[in-house]
Amino acid sequence: AAMDLTRLAVDAGQFINRAVQYTGETFGAAEKTELEPDIERLLAKADATKTCTDQIISQTEALLQPNPAARLEDRLYEHLEWRPPPRPRSLEVLGEIMTSAGLELGSNTPYGEFR
């Protein structure tokens, strides 16, 4: 009975290997379908959406929880009555990121809608 089970497993393994080989040959020889460019476009859009979303989240966190060192530096400049060196403000950076996301992802997406 153990020998029969082993033989069955070997036969099943060979069948699966042949099926995989046949599938690979069939799809390898087939022409590209019309669906593939659409899938590639969707994957590219998904990657771009993820990148833009990650940037917006990161900059929103920076806006809501400012860098303590930057706040201390600003206070030091105020106390010394010196002009601080120019650096981008968190709100301006967030606005730029959101604008570029809208332009990259398109006006027909939530990132590109202007109300």
PDB file of N, CA and C in Angstrom:
ATOM      1  N   ALA A   1       0.822  -1.180   0.000  1.00  0.00           N
ATOM      2  CA  ALA A   1       0.000   0.000   0.000  1.00  0.00           C
ATOM      3  C   ALA A   1       0.871   1.250   0.000  1.00  0.00           C
ATOM      4  N   ALA A   2       2.000   1.234   0.750  1.00  0.00           N
ATOM      5  CA  ALA A   2       2.912   2.381   0.777  1.00  0.00           C
ATOM      6  C   ALA A   2       3.529   2.587  -0.593  1.00  0.00           C
ATOM      7  N   MET A   3       3.832   1.469  -1.286  1.00  0.00           N
ATOM      8  CA  MET A   3       4.424   1.553  -2.620  1.00  0.00           C
ATOM      9  C   MET A   3       3.441   2.178  -3.605  1.00  0.00           C
ATOM     10  N   ASP A   4       2.154   1.830  -3.476  1.00  0.00           N
ATOM     11  CA  ASP A   4       1.127   2.398  -4.349  1.00  0.00           C
ATOM     12  C   ASP A   4       1.002   3.907  -4.128  1.00  0.00           C
ATOM     13  N   LEU A   5       1.075   4.336  -2.859  1.00  0.00           N
ATOM     14  CA  LEU A   5       0.969   5.756  -2.525  1.00  0.00           C
ATOM     15  C   LEU A   5       2.162   6.530  -3.082  1.00  0.00           C
ATOM     16  N   THR A   6       3.365   5.945  -2.973  1.00  0.00           N
ATOM     17  CA  THR A   6       4.564   6.594  -3.508  1.00  0.00           C
ATOM     18  C   THR A   6       4.456   6.726  -5.016  1.00  0.00           C
ATOM     19  N   ARG A   7       4.013   5.680  -5.683  1.00  0.00           N
ATOM     20  CA  ARG A   7       3.866   5.708  -7.148  1.00  0.00           C
ATOM     21  C   ARG A   7       2.844   6.760  -7.565  1.00  0.00           C
ATOM     22  N   LEU A   8       1.749   6.855  -6.799  1.00  0.00           N
ATOM     23  CA  LEU A   8       0.723   7.843  -7.090  1.00  0.00           C
ATOM     24  C   LEU A   8       1.284   9.259  -6.960  1.00  0.00           C
ATOM     25  N   ALA A   9       2.101   9.489  -5.919  1.00  0.00           N
ATOM     26  CA  ALA A   9       2.706  10.806  -5.716  1.00  0.00           C
ATOM     27  C   ALA A   9       3.665  11.146  -6.853  1.00  0.00           C
ATOM     28  N   VAL A  10       4.457  10.160  -7.289  1.00  0.00           N
ATOM     29  CA  VAL A  10       5.390  10.392  -8.397  1.00  0.00           C
ATOM     30  C   VAL A  10       4.623  10.697  -9.680  1.00  0.00           C
ATOM     31  N   ASP A  11       3.583   9.921  -9.954  1.00  0.00           N
ATOM     32  CA  ASP A  11       2.774  10.158 -11.153  1.00  0.00           C
ATOM     33  C   ASP A  11       2.117  11.539 -11.113  1.00  0.00           C
ATOM     34  N   ALA A  12       1.607  11.910  -9.946  1.00  0.00           N
ATOM     35  CA  ALA A  12       0.976  13.224  -9.808  1.00  0.00           C
ATOM     36  C   ALA A  12       2.000  14.334 -10.030  1.00  0.00           C
ATOM     37  N   GLY A  13       3.198  14.143  -9.477  1.00  0.00           N
ATOM     38  CA  GLY A  13       4.256  15.145  -9.672  1.00  0.00           C
ATOM     39  C   GLY A  13       4.632  15.287 -11.131  1.00  0.00           C
ATOM     40  N   GLN A  14       4.753  14.167 -11.842  1.00  0.00           N
ATOM     41  CA  GLN A  14       5.079  14.227 -13.267  1.00  0.00           C
ATOM     42  C   GLN A  14       3.957  14.903 -14.054  1.00  0.00           C
ATOM     43  N   PHE A  15       2.704  14.614 -13.691  1.00  0.00           N
ATOM     44  CA  PHE A  15       1.571  15.234 -14.373  1.00  0.00           C
ATOM     45  C   PHE A  15       1.600  16.750 -14.176  1.00  0.00           C
ATOM     46  N   ILE A  16       1.851  17.184 -12.948  1.00  0.00           N
ATOM     47  CA  ILE A  16       1.898  18.625 -12.665  1.00  0.00           C
ATOM     48  C   ILE A  16       3.046  19.272 -13.434  1.00  0.00           C
ATOM     49  N   ASN A  17       4.195  18.642 -13.448  1.00  0.00           N
ATOM     50  CA  ASN A  17       5.334  19.194 -14.201  1.00  0.00           C
ATOM     51  C   ASN A  17       5.010  19.331 -15.679  1.00  0.00           C
ATOM     52  N   ARG A  18       4.345  18.307 -16.255  1.00  0.00           N
ATOM     53  CA  ARG A  18       3.968  18.384 -17.666  1.00  0.00           C
ATOM     54  C   ARG A  18       2.956  19.498 -17.903  1.00  0.00           C
ATOM     55  N   ALA A  19       2.007  19.654 -16.978  1.00  0.00           N
ATOM     56  CA  ALA A  19       0.994  20.701 -17.122  1.00  0.00           C
ATOM     57  C   ALA A  19       1.645  22.083 -17.070  1.00  0.00           C
ATOM     58  N   VAL A  20       2.578  22.266 -16.148  1.00  0.00           N
ATOM     59  CA  VAL A  20       3.280  23.541 -16.042  1.00  0.00           C
ATOM     60  C   VAL A  20       4.088  23.802 -17.307  1.00  0.00           C
ATOM     61  N   GLN A  21       4.780  22.776 -17.805  1.00  0.00           N
ATOM     62  CA  GLN A  21       5.576  22.923 -19.024  1.00  0.00           C
ATOM     63  C   GLN A  21       4.673  23.275 -20.205  1.00  0.00           C
ATOM     64  N   TYR A  22       3.540  22.577 -20.335  1.00  0.00           N
ATOM     65  CA  TYR A  22       2.617  22.832 -21.433  1.00  0.00           C
ATOM     66  C   TYR A  22       2.063  24.259 -21.346  1.00  0.00           C
ATOM     67  N   THR A  23       1.698  24.676 -20.134  1.00  0.00           N
ATOM     68  CA  THR A  23       1.160  26.025 -19.947  1.00  0.00           C
ATOM     69  C   THR A  23       2.202  27.063 -20.323  1.00  0.00           C
ATOM     70  N   GLY A  24       3.441  26.858 -19.882  1.00  0.00           N
ATOM     71  CA  GLY A  24       4.507  27.798 -20.212  1.00  0.00           C
ATOM     72  C   GLY A  24       4.750  27.877 -21.704  1.00  0.00           C
ATOM     73  N   GLU A  25       4.761  26.723 -22.376  1.00  0.00           N
ATOM     74  CA  GLU A  25       4.969  26.717 -23.828  1.00  0.00           C
ATOM     75  C   GLU A  25       3.808  27.395 -24.541  1.00  0.00           C
ATOM     76  N   THR A  26       2.597  27.122 -24.084  1.00  0.00           N
ATOM     77  CA  THR A  26       1.419  27.698 -24.728  1.00  0.00           C
ATOM     78  C   THR A  26       1.415  29.212 -24.587  1.00  0.00           C
ATOM     79  N   PHE A  27       1.634  29.706 -23.355  1.00  0.00           N
ATOM     80  CA  PHE A  27       1.618  31.150 -23.151  1.00  0.00           C
ATOM     81  C   PHE A  27       2.852  31.811 -23.743  1.00  0.00           C
ATOM     82  N   GLY A  28       3.962  31.089 -23.760  1.00  0.00           N
ATOM     83  CA  GLY A  28       5.183  31.645 -24.346  1.00  0.00           C
ATOM     84  C   GLY A  28       5.048  31.833 -25.843  1.00  0.00           C
ATOM     85  N   ALA A  29       4.323  30.924 -26.495  1.00  0.00           N
ATOM     86  CA  ALA A  29       4.156  31.004 -27.946  1.00  0.00           C
ATOM     87  C   ALA A  29       3.016  31.940 -28.333  1.00  0.00           C
ATOM     88  N   ALA A  30       2.140  32.212 -27.407  1.00  0.00           N
ATOM     89  CA  ALA A  30       0.979  33.052 -27.721  1.00  0.00           C
ATOM     90  C   ALA A  30       1.401  34.503 -27.901  1.00  0.00           C
ATOM     91  N   GLU A  31       0.647  35.211 -28.739  1.00  0.00           N
ATOM     92  CA  GLU A  31       0.891  36.639 -28.911  1.00  0.00           C
ATOM     93  C   GLU A  31       0.389  37.372 -27.687  1.00  0.00           C
ATOM     94  N   LYS A  32       0.916  38.582 -27.484  1.00  0.00           N
ATOM     95  CA  LYS A  32       0.434  39.384 -26.364  1.00  0.00           C
ATOM     96  C   LYS A  32      -1.037  39.695 -26.591  1.00  0.00           C
ATOM     97  N   THR A  33      -1.792  39.603 -25.521  1.00  0.00           N
ATOM     98  CA  THR A  33      -3.215  39.902 -25.636  1.00  0.00           C
ATOM     99  C   THR A  33      -3.423  41.397 -25.469  1.00  0.00           C
ATOM    100  N   GLU A  34      -4.624  41.828 -25.766  1.00  0.00           N
ATOM    101  CA  GLU A  34      -4.972  43.239 -25.603  1.00  0.00           C
ATOM    102  C   GLU A  34      -5.017  43.621 -24.128  1.00  0.00           C
ATOM    103  N   LEU A  35      -5.204  42.628 -23.261  1.00  0.00           N
ATOM    104  CA  LEU A  35      -5.335  42.897 -21.841  1.00  0.00           C
ATOM    105  C   LEU A  35      -3.999  43.300 -21.215  1.00  0.00           C
ATOM    106  N   GLU A  36      -2.890  42.776 -21.712  1.00  0.00           N
ATOM    107  CA  GLU A  36      -1.593  43.022 -21.090  1.00  0.00           C
ATOM    108  C   GLU A  36      -1.215  44.498 -21.008  1.00  0.00           C
ATOM    109  N   PRO A  37      -1.368  45.300 -22.078  1.00  0.00           N
ATOM    110  CA  PRO A  37      -1.030  46.723 -21.939  1.00  0.00           C
ATOM    111  C   PRO A  37      -1.891  47.419 -20.892  1.00  0.00           C
ATOM    112  N   ASP A  38      -3.172  47.017 -20.811  1.00  0.00           N
ATOM    113  CA  ASP A  38      -4.052  47.609 -19.805  1.00  0.00           C
ATOM    114  C   ASP A  38      -3.579  47.254 -18.399  1.00  0.00           C
ATOM    115  N   ILE A  39      -3.185  46.010 -18.215  1.00  0.00           N
ATOM    116  CA  ILE A  39      -2.692  45.584 -16.906  1.00  0.00           C
ATOM    117  C   ILE A  39      -1.400  46.328 -16.561  1.00  0.00           C
ATOM    118  N   GLU A  40      -0.514  46.472 -17.536  1.00  0.00           N
ATOM    119  CA  GLU A  40       0.735  47.203 -17.286  1.00  0.00           C
ATOM    120  C   GLU A  40       0.455  48.654 -16.922  1.00  0.00           C
ATOM    121  N   ARG A  41      -0.512  49.275 -17.603  1.00  0.00           N
ATOM    122  CA  ARG A  41      -0.882  50.661 -17.274  1.00  0.00           C
ATOM    123  C   ARG A  41      -1.459  50.754 -15.863  1.00  0.00           C
ATOM    124  N   LEU A  42      -2.312  49.792 -15.518  1.00  0.00           N
ATOM    125  CA  LEU A  42      -2.901  49.793 -14.175  1.00  0.00           C
ATOM    126  C   LEU A  42      -1.832  49.590 -13.106  1.00  0.00           C
ATOM    127  N   LEU A  43      -0.878  48.708 -13.369  1.00  0.00           N
ATOM    128  CA  LEU A  43       0.198  48.487 -12.394  1.00  0.00           C
ATOM    129  C   LEU A  43       1.050  49.741 -12.237  1.00  0.00           C
ATOM    130  N   ALA A  44       1.342  50.409 -13.348  1.00  0.00           N
ATOM    131  CA  ALA A  44       2.129  51.646 -13.281  1.00  0.00           C
ATOM    132  C   ALA A  44       1.362  52.720 -12.516  1.00  0.00           C
ATOM    133  N   LYS A  45       0.054  52.807 -12.763  1.00  0.00           N
ATOM    134  CA  LYS A  45      -0.762  53.798 -12.047  1.00  0.00           C
ATOM    135  C   LYS A  45      -0.846  53.466 -10.564  1.00  0.00           C
ATOM    136  N   ALA A  46      -0.942  52.175 -10.245  1.00  0.00           N
ATOM    137  CA  ALA A  46      -0.975  51.764  -8.834  1.00  0.00           C
ATOM    138  C   ALA A  46       0.333  52.125  -8.140  1.00  0.00           C
ATOM    139  N   ASP A  47       1.464  51.902  -8.812  1.00  0.00           N
ATOM    140  CA  ASP A  47       2.763  52.274  -8.235  1.00  0.00           C
ATOM    141  C   ASP A  47       2.860  53.779  -8.026  1.00  0.00           C
ATOM    142  N   ALA A  48       2.425  54.554  -9.017  1.00  0.00           N
ATOM    143  CA  ALA A  48       2.480  56.019  -8.902  1.00  0.00           C
ATOM    144  C   ALA A  48       1.562  56.504  -7.784  1.00  0.00           C
ATOM    145  N   THR A  49       0.376  55.892  -7.669  1.00  0.00           N
ATOM    146  CA  THR A  49      -0.559  56.272  -6.611  1.00  0.00           C
ATOM    147  C   THR A  49       0.028  55.965  -5.242  1.00  0.00           C
ATOM    148  N   LYS A  50       0.670  54.811  -5.109  1.00  0.00           N
ATOM    149  CA  LYS A  50       1.288  54.443  -3.829  1.00  0.00           C
ATOM    150  C   LYS A  50       2.403  55.417  -3.474  1.00  0.00           C
ATOM    151  N   THR A  51       3.235  55.768  -4.443  1.00  0.00           N
ATOM    152  CA  THR A  51       4.333  56.707  -4.191  1.00  0.00           C
ATOM    153  C   THR A  51       3.795  58.064  -3.754  1.00  0.00           C
ATOM    154  N   CYS A  52       2.818  58.576  -4.493  1.00  0.00           N
ATOM    155  CA  CYS A  52       2.229  59.880  -4.147  1.00  0.00           C
ATOM    156  C   CYS A  52       1.576  59.835  -2.774  1.00  0.00           C
ATOM    157  N   THR A  53       0.838  58.779  -2.490  1.00  0.00           N
ATOM    158  CA  THR A  53       0.167  58.653  -1.200  1.00  0.00           C
ATOM    159  C   THR A  53       1.181  58.606  -0.064  1.00  0.00           C
ATOM    160  N   ASP A  54       2.255  57.832  -0.245  1.00  0.00           N
ATOM    161  CA  ASP A  54       3.301  57.756   0.782  1.00  0.00           C
ATOM    162  C   ASP A  54       3.924  59.126   1.035  1.00  0.00           C
ATOM    163  N   GLN A  55       4.167  59.889  -0.034  1.00  0.00           N
ATOM    164  CA  GLN A  55       4.753  61.225   0.121  1.00  0.00           C
ATOM    165  C   GLN A  55       3.797  62.161   0.853  1.00  0.00           C
ATOM    166  N   ILE A  56       2.511  62.102   0.507  1.00  0.00           N
ATOM    167  CA  ILE A  56       1.522  62.965   1.160  1.00  0.00           C
ATOM    168  C   ILE A  56       1.407  62.614   2.644  1.00  0.00           C
ATOM    169  N   ILE A  57       1.361  61.333   2.957  1.00  0.00           N
ATOM    170  CA  ILE A  57       1.265  60.905   4.360  1.00  0.00           C
ATOM    171  C   ILE A  57       2.494  61.355   5.136  1.00  0.00           C
ATOM    172  N   SER A  58       3.662  61.144   4.562  1.00  0.00           N
ATOM    173  CA  SER A  58       4.903  61.520   5.240  1.00  0.00           C
ATOM    174  C   SER A  58       4.960  63.020   5.515  1.00  0.00           C
ATOM    175  N   GLN A  59       4.584  63.825   4.517  1.00  0.00           N
ATOM    176  CA  GLN A  59       4.649  65.275   4.695  1.00  0.00           C
ATOM    177  C   GLN A  59       3.543  65.767   5.628  1.00  0.00           C
ATOM    178  N   THR A  60       2.397  65.107   5.630  1.00  0.00           N
ATOM    179  CA  THR A  60       1.328  65.463   6.565  1.00  0.00           C
ATOM    180  C   THR A  60       1.784  65.197   7.995  1.00  0.00           C
ATOM    181  N   GLU A  61       2.467  64.073   8.207  1.00  0.00           N
ATOM    182  CA  GLU A  61       3.004  63.783   9.537  1.00  0.00           C
ATOM    183  C   GLU A  61       4.023  64.839   9.950  1.00  0.00           C
ATOM    184  N   ALA A  62       4.870  65.264   9.010  1.00  0.00           N
ATOM    185  CA  ALA A  62       5.856  66.302   9.314  1.00  0.00           C
ATOM    186  C   ALA A  62       5.177  67.620   9.656  1.00  0.00           C
ATOM    187  N   LEU A  63       4.049  67.892   9.014  1.00  0.00           N
ATOM    188  CA  LEU A  63       3.306  69.119   9.305  1.00  0.00           C
ATOM    189  C   LEU A  63       2.641  69.055  10.683  1.00  0.00           C
ATOM    190  N   LEU A  64       2.066  67.894  11.004  1.00  0.00           N
ATOM    191  CA  LEU A  64       1.347  67.749  12.267  1.00  0.00           C
ATOM    192  C   LEU A  64       2.283  67.585  13.463  1.00  0.00           C
ATOM    193  N   GLN A  65       3.455  67.000  13.227  1.00  0.00           N
ATOM    194  CA  GLN A  65       4.436  66.821  14.294  1.00  0.00           C
ATOM    195  C   GLN A  65       5.755  67.445  13.837  1.00  0.00           C
ATOM    196  N   PRO A  66       5.865  68.746  13.982  1.00  0.00           N
ATOM    197  CA  PRO A  66       7.069  69.421  13.490  1.00  0.00           C
ATOM    198  C   PRO A  66       8.332  68.910  14.171  1.00  0.00           C
ATOM    199  N   ASN A  67       9.420  69.042  13.453  1.00  0.00           N
ATOM    200  CA  ASN A  67      10.721  68.634  13.951  1.00  0.00           C
ATOM    201  C   ASN A  67      11.103  69.522  15.135  1.00  0.00           C
ATOM    202  N   PRO A  68      11.330  68.939  16.312  1.00  0.00           N
ATOM    203  CA  PRO A  68      11.668  69.764  17.479  1.00  0.00           C
ATOM    204  C   PRO A  68      12.950  70.574  17.278  1.00  0.00           C
ATOM    205  N   ALA A  69      13.890  70.028  16.549  1.00  0.00           N
ATOM    206  CA  ALA A  69      15.144  70.759  16.306  1.00  0.00           C
ATOM    207  C   ALA A  69      14.882  72.006  15.471  1.00  0.00           C
ATOM    208  N   ALA A  70      14.004  71.908  14.482  1.00  0.00           N
ATOM    209  CA  ALA A  70      13.683  73.069  13.648  1.00  0.00           C
ATOM    210  C   ALA A  70      12.960  74.130  14.461  1.00  0.00           C
ATOM    211  N   ARG A  71      12.053  73.696  15.354  1.00  0.00           N
ATOM    212  CA  ARG A  71      11.350  74.665  16.202  1.00  0.00           C
ATOM    213  C   ARG A  71      12.322  75.368  17.149  1.00  0.00           C
ATOM    214  N   LEU A  72      13.252  74.598  17.713  1.00  0.00           N
ATOM    215  CA  LEU A  72      14.254  75.184  18.607  1.00  0.00           C
ATOM    216  C   LEU A  72      15.132  76.180  17.849  1.00  0.00           C
ATOM    217  N   GLU A  73      15.506  75.814  16.637  1.00  0.00           N
ATOM    218  CA  GLU A  73      16.330  76.715  15.808  1.00  0.00           C
ATOM    219  C   GLU A  73      15.577  78.021  15.531  1.00  0.00           C
ATOM    220  N   ASP A  74      14.286  77.918  15.195  1.00  0.00           N
ATOM    221  CA  ASP A  74      13.486  79.127  14.949  1.00  0.00           C
ATOM    222  C   ASP A  74      13.424  80.008  16.190  1.00  0.00           C
ATOM    223  N   ARG A  75      13.225  79.400  17.348  1.00  0.00           N
ATOM    224  CA  ARG A  75      13.176  80.184  18.594  1.00  0.00           C
ATOM    225  C   ARG A  75      14.510  80.852  18.885  1.00  0.00           C
ATOM    226  N   LEU A  76      15.586  80.121  18.590  1.00  0.00           N
ATOM    227  CA  LEU A  76      16.922  80.689  18.826  1.00  0.00           C
ATOM    228  C   LEU A  76      17.132  81.919  17.942  1.00  0.00           C
ATOM    229  N   TYR A  77      16.767  81.818  16.693  1.00  0.00           N
ATOM    230  CA  TYR A  77      16.898  82.965  15.782  1.00  0.00           C
ATOM    231  C   TYR A  77      16.033  84.134  16.242  1.00  0.00           C
ATOM    232  N   GLU A  78      14.804  83.828  16.726  1.00  0.00           N
ATOM    233  CA  GLU A  78      13.937  84.895  17.245  1.00  0.00           C
ATOM    234  C   GLU A  78      14.577  85.579  18.445  1.00  0.00           C
ATOM    235  N   HIS A  79      15.122  84.767  19.334  1.00  0.00           N
ATOM    236  CA  HIS A  79      15.737  85.316  20.555  1.00  0.00           C
ATOM    237  C   HIS A  79      16.950  86.190  20.229  1.00  0.00           C
ATOM    238  N   LEU A  80      17.715  85.761  19.265  1.00  0.00           N
ATOM    239  CA  LEU A  80      18.919  86.516  18.881  1.00  0.00           C
ATOM    240  C   LEU A  80      18.594  87.650  17.920  1.00  0.00           C
ATOM    241  N   GLU A  81      17.326  87.713  17.509  1.00  0.00           N
ATOM    242  CA  GLU A  81      16.877  88.710  16.543  1.00  0.00           C
ATOM    243  C   GLU A  81      17.660  88.624  15.230  1.00  0.00           C
ATOM    244  N   TRP A  82      17.944  87.407  14.842  1.00  0.00           N
ATOM    245  CA  TRP A  82      18.584  87.155  13.549  1.00  0.00           C
ATOM    246  C   TRP A  82      17.525  86.619  12.598  1.00  0.00           C
ATOM    247  N   ARG A  83      17.832  86.774  11.366  1.00  0.00           N
ATOM    248  CA  ARG A  83      16.904  86.244  10.354  1.00  0.00           C
ATOM    249  C   ARG A  83      17.268  84.768  10.106  1.00  0.00           C
ATOM    250  N   PRO A  84      16.292  83.862  10.224  1.00  0.00           N
ATOM    251  CA  PRO A  84      16.600  82.441   9.983  1.00  0.00           C
ATOM    252  C   PRO A  84      16.885  82.196   8.503  1.00  0.00           C
ATOM    253  N   PRO A  85      17.718  81.197   8.222  1.00  0.00           N
ATOM    254  CA  PRO A  85      17.967  80.867   6.807  1.00  0.00           C
ATOM    255  C   PRO A  85      16.683  80.356   6.158  1.00  0.00           C
ATOM    256  N   PRO A  86      16.496  80.663   4.903  1.00  0.00           N
ATOM    257  CA  PRO A  86      15.256  80.207   4.247  1.00  0.00           C
ATOM    258  C   PRO A  86      15.235  78.689   4.133  1.00  0.00           C
ATOM    259  N   ARG A  87      14.129  78.126   4.475  1.00  0.00           N
ATOM    260  CA  ARG A  87      13.928  76.694   4.284  1.00  0.00           C
ATOM    261  C   ARG A  87      12.454  76.486   3.989  1.00  0.00           C
ATOM    262  N   PRO A  88      12.142  75.467   3.239  1.00  0.00           N
ATOM    263  CA  PRO A  88      10.743  75.260   2.859  1.00  0.00           C
ATOM    264  C   PRO A  88       9.885  74.971   4.088  1.00  0.00           C
ATOM    265  N   ARG A  89       8.732  75.569   4.126  1.00  0.00           N
ATOM    266  CA  ARG A  89       7.785  75.346   5.212  1.00  0.00           C
ATOM    267  C   ARG A  89       6.975  74.084   4.920  1.00  0.00           C
ATOM    268  N   SER A  90       6.629  73.375   5.979  1.00  0.00           N
ATOM    269  CA  SER A  90       5.937  72.082   5.835  1.00  0.00           C
ATOM    270  C   SER A  90       4.651  72.191   5.030  1.00  0.00           C
ATOM    271  N   LEU A  91       3.876  73.246   5.281  1.00  0.00           N
ATOM    272  CA  LEU A  91       2.608  73.403   4.570  1.00  0.00           C
ATOM    273  C   LEU A  91       2.837  73.644   3.079  1.00  0.00           C
ATOM    274  N   GLU A  92       3.873  74.435   2.739  1.00  0.00           N
ATOM    275  CA  GLU A  92       4.182  74.693   1.332  1.00  0.00           C
ATOM    276  C   GLU A  92       4.643  73.413   0.642  1.00  0.00           C
ATOM    277  N   VAL A  93       5.479  72.627   1.339  1.00  0.00           N
ATOM    278  CA  VAL A  93       5.962  71.371   0.759  1.00  0.00           C
ATOM    279  C   VAL A  93       4.793  70.418   0.526  1.00  0.00           C
ATOM    280  N   LEU A  94       3.876  70.332   1.501  1.00  0.00           N
ATOM    281  CA  LEU A  94       2.702  69.471   1.337  1.00  0.00           C
ATOM    282  C   LEU A  94       1.875  69.919   0.146  1.00  0.00           C
ATOM    283  N   GLY A  95       1.679  71.214  -0.016  1.00  0.00           N
ATOM    284  CA  GLY A  95       0.931  71.731  -1.163  1.00  0.00           C
ATOM    285  C   GLY A  95       1.582  71.370  -2.487  1.00  0.00           C
ATOM    286  N   GLU A  96       2.916  71.475  -2.534  1.00  0.00           N
ATOM    287  CA  GLU A  96       3.635  71.124  -3.765  1.00  0.00           C
ATOM    288  C   GLU A  96       3.504  69.637  -4.072  1.00  0.00           C
ATOM    289  N   ILE A  97       3.601  68.806  -3.038  1.00  0.00           N
ATOM    290  CA  ILE A  97       3.462  67.356  -3.237  1.00  0.00           C
ATOM    291  C   ILE A  97       2.059  67.028  -3.742  1.00  0.00           C
ATOM    292  N   MET A  98       1.047  67.660  -3.160  1.00  0.00           N
ATOM    293  CA  MET A  98      -0.333  67.394  -3.578  1.00  0.00           C
ATOM    294  C   MET A  98      -0.574  67.868  -5.014  1.00  0.00           C
ATOM    295  N   THR A  99      -0.017  69.017  -5.355  1.00  0.00           N
ATOM    296  CA  THR A  99      -0.174  69.529  -6.721  1.00  0.00           C
ATOM    297  C   THR A  99       0.491  68.595  -7.723  1.00  0.00           C
ATOM    298  N   SER A 100       1.719  68.150  -7.420  1.00  0.00           N
ATOM    299  CA  SER A 100       2.408  67.255  -8.356  1.00  0.00           C
ATOM    300  C   SER A 100       1.693  65.909  -8.448  1.00  0.00           C
ATOM    301  N   ALA A 101       1.104  65.428  -7.341  1.00  0.00           N
ATOM    302  CA  ALA A 101       0.332  64.177  -7.391  1.00  0.00           C
ATOM    303  C   ALA A 101      -0.885  64.341  -8.299  1.00  0.00           C
ATOM    304  N   GLY A 102      -1.553  65.492  -8.192  1.00  0.00           N
ATOM    305  CA  GLY A 102      -2.708  65.748  -9.052  1.00  0.00           C
ATOM    306  C   GLY A 102      -2.330  65.792 -10.519  1.00  0.00           C
ATOM    307  N   LEU A 103      -1.188  66.410 -10.799  1.00  0.00           N
ATOM    308  CA  LEU A 103      -0.745  66.483 -12.195  1.00  0.00           C
ATOM    309  C   LEU A 103      -0.322  65.117 -12.717  1.00  0.00           C
ATOM    310  N   GLU A 104       0.363  64.344 -11.872  1.00  0.00           N
ATOM    311  CA  GLU A 104       0.857  63.039 -12.315  1.00  0.00           C
ATOM    312  C   GLU A 104      -0.265  62.026 -12.476  1.00  0.00           C
ATOM    313  N   LEU A 105      -1.209  62.012 -11.535  1.00  0.00           N
ATOM    314  CA  LEU A 105      -2.245  60.984 -11.556  1.00  0.00           C
ATOM    315  C   LEU A 105      -3.469  61.381 -12.373  1.00  0.00           C
ATOM    316  N   GLY A 106      -3.627  62.664 -12.660  1.00  0.00           N
ATOM    317  CA  GLY A 106      -4.699  63.090 -13.552  1.00  0.00           C
ATOM    318  C   GLY A 106      -5.852  63.749 -12.840  1.00  0.00           C
ATOM    319  N   SER A 107      -6.553  64.596 -13.590  1.00  0.00           N
ATOM    320  CA  SER A 107      -7.654  65.371 -13.033  1.00  0.00           C
ATOM    321  C   SER A 107      -8.894  64.520 -12.777  1.00  0.00           C
ATOM    322  N   ASN A 108      -8.922  63.310 -13.313  1.00  0.00           N
ATOM    323  CA  ASN A 108     -10.080  62.439 -13.110  1.00  0.00           C
ATOM    324  C   ASN A 108      -9.919  61.551 -11.882  1.00  0.00           C
ATOM    325  N   THR A 109      -8.897  61.801 -11.056  1.00  0.00           N
ATOM    326  CA  THR A 109      -8.679  61.045  -9.830  1.00  0.00           C
ATOM    327  C   THR A 109      -8.913  61.968  -8.636  1.00  0.00           C
ATOM    328  N   PRO A 110      -9.104  61.393  -7.441  1.00  0.00           N
ATOM    329  CA  PRO A 110      -9.260  62.246  -6.250  1.00  0.00           C
ATOM    330  C   PRO A 110      -8.051  63.168  -6.017  1.00  0.00           C
ATOM    331  N   TYR A 111      -6.883  62.792  -6.509  1.00  0.00           N
ATOM    332  CA  TYR A 111      -5.688  63.604  -6.336  1.00  0.00           C
ATOM    333  C   TYR A 111      -5.726  64.841  -7.217  1.00  0.00           C
ATOM    334  N   GLY A 112      -6.474  64.794  -8.303  1.00  0.00           N
ATOM    335  CA  GLY A 112      -6.478  65.908  -9.248  1.00  0.00           C
ATOM    336  C   GLY A 112      -7.727  66.740  -9.230  1.00  0.00           C
ATOM    337  N   GLU A 113      -8.691  66.405  -8.382  1.00  0.00           N
ATOM    338  CA  GLU A 113      -9.929  67.177  -8.338  1.00  0.00           C
ATOM    339  C   GLU A 113      -9.695  68.489  -7.594  1.00  0.00           C
ATOM    340  N   PHE A 114     -10.181  69.565  -8.172  1.00  0.00           N
ATOM    341  CA  PHE A 114     -10.094  70.870  -7.527  1.00  0.00           C
ATOM    342  C   PHE A 114     -11.510  71.319  -7.218  1.00  0.00           C
ATOM    343  N   ARG A 115     -11.749  71.697  -5.971  1.00  0.00           N
ATOM    344  CA  ARG A 115     -13.108  72.119  -5.585  1.00  0.00           C
ATOM    345  C   ARG A 115     -13.074  73.504  -5.048  1.00  0.00           C
TER     346      ARG A 115
END
